[in-house]
Amino acid sequence: MGLDTKEFREALETRKYKEVHERALHHAYHEANITAVPTFVIGETVLTGVRSKETLEQIIVDELKKQTPDTFTEGMACGIDGC
């Protein structure tokens, strides 16, 4: 299928997603305190920069150990506005 080049060009030329992009940047800078890319937020741990698969896996394991059954529900997901 691929990228719809006509729609993509139109979005760029009309700046269709400008406001959404600005809101996402504001959230990243001012609410989530993200100062570098990539930034990983895993539980209470915040990592900046590229990390190995093994490091990420270990942090996930460590963060899961901190959870109690009341605070972690299988399939739980958080959105841009939180949980």
Protein backbone atom coordinates (compact mmCIF):
# COMPACT_ATOMS: atom_id res chain seq x y z
CA MET A 1 0.00 0.00 0.00
CA GLY A 2 2.53 2.64 1.09
CA LEU A 3 2.37 6.36 1.66
CA ASP A 4 -0.23 8.38 -0.20
CA THR A 5 2.16 10.93 -1.71
CA LYS A 6 -0.59 13.32 -2.81
CA GLU A 7 -2.12 13.43 0.68
CA PHE A 8 1.33 13.73 2.26
CA ARG A 9 2.31 16.67 0.04
CA GLU A 10 -1.01 18.37 0.72
CA ALA A 11 -0.54 17.99 4.50
CA LEU A 12 2.93 19.55 4.23
CA GLU A 13 1.85 22.41 2.00
CA THR A 14 -1.24 23.31 4.03
CA ARG A 15 0.46 22.64 7.39
CA LYS A 16 -2.57 20.51 8.25
CA TYR A 17 -1.00 19.06 11.42
CA LYS A 18 0.75 22.21 12.68
CA GLU A 19 -1.43 22.68 15.78
CA VAL A 20 -1.32 18.99 16.72
CA HIS A 21 2.45 19.00 16.33
CA GLU A 22 2.80 22.14 18.48
CA ARG A 23 0.65 20.58 21.23
CA ALA A 24 2.77 17.41 21.15
CA LEU A 25 5.98 19.46 21.43
CA HIS A 26 4.55 21.50 24.32
CA HIS A 27 3.62 18.29 26.14
CA ALA A 28 7.07 16.80 25.56
CA TYR A 29 9.00 19.87 26.70
CA HIS A 30 6.82 21.24 29.48
CA GLU A 31 4.80 18.35 30.87
CA ALA A 32 6.87 15.21 30.22
CA ASN A 33 10.24 17.01 30.60
CA ILE A 34 11.66 15.28 27.52
CA THR A 35 14.94 16.94 26.58
CA ALA A 36 16.50 14.38 24.23
CA VAL A 37 15.53 11.94 21.52
CA PRO A 38 15.13 9.09 22.04
CA THR A 39 13.71 9.19 25.54
CA PHE A 40 12.23 6.07 27.11
CA VAL A 41 9.91 6.29 30.10
CA ILE A 42 9.55 2.88 31.71
CA GLY A 43 7.63 3.05 34.95
CA GLU A 44 9.53 5.52 37.13
CA THR A 45 12.73 5.20 35.08
CA VAL A 46 13.57 7.76 32.40
CA LEU A 47 16.35 6.93 29.95
CA THR A 48 17.75 9.24 27.32
CA GLY A 49 19.80 8.06 24.40
CA VAL A 50 20.08 4.76 22.61
CA ARG A 51 20.11 1.74 24.93
CA SER A 52 20.67 -1.93 24.27
CA LYS A 53 17.81 -4.39 24.10
CA GLU A 54 19.20 -6.09 27.22
CA THR A 55 19.24 -2.81 29.18
CA LEU A 56 15.64 -2.04 28.23
CA GLU A 57 14.54 -5.58 29.11
CA GLN A 58 16.23 -5.38 32.52
CA ILE A 59 14.62 -2.03 33.32
CA ILE A 60 11.22 -3.42 32.36
CA VAL A 61 11.78 -6.41 34.65
CA ASP A 62 12.95 -4.12 37.49
CA GLU A 63 9.96 -1.80 37.07
CA LEU A 64 7.51 -4.71 36.99
CA LYS A 65 8.96 -5.97 40.28
CA LYS A 66 8.08 -2.59 41.85
CA GLN A 67 4.43 -2.96 40.83
CA THR A 68 1.78 -4.37 43.10
CA PRO A 69 -1.20 -6.30 41.77
CA ASP A 70 -3.39 -3.25 42.43
CA THR A 71 -1.27 -0.90 40.30
CA PHE A 72 -0.65 -3.13 37.28
CA THR A 73 -3.40 -4.60 35.19
CA GLU A 74 -2.61 -6.83 32.24
CA GLY A 75 -3.33 -4.98 29.03
CA MET A 76 -3.27 -1.59 30.75
CA ALA A 77 -2.33 1.23 28.38
CA CYS A 78 -1.73 4.94 28.80
CA GLY A 79 -2.32 7.67 26.26
CA ILE A 80 -0.83 11.09 25.65
CA ASP A 81 -2.99 12.51 28.46
CA GLY A 82 -1.88 9.91 30.98
CA CYS A 83 -3.51 6.83 32.47
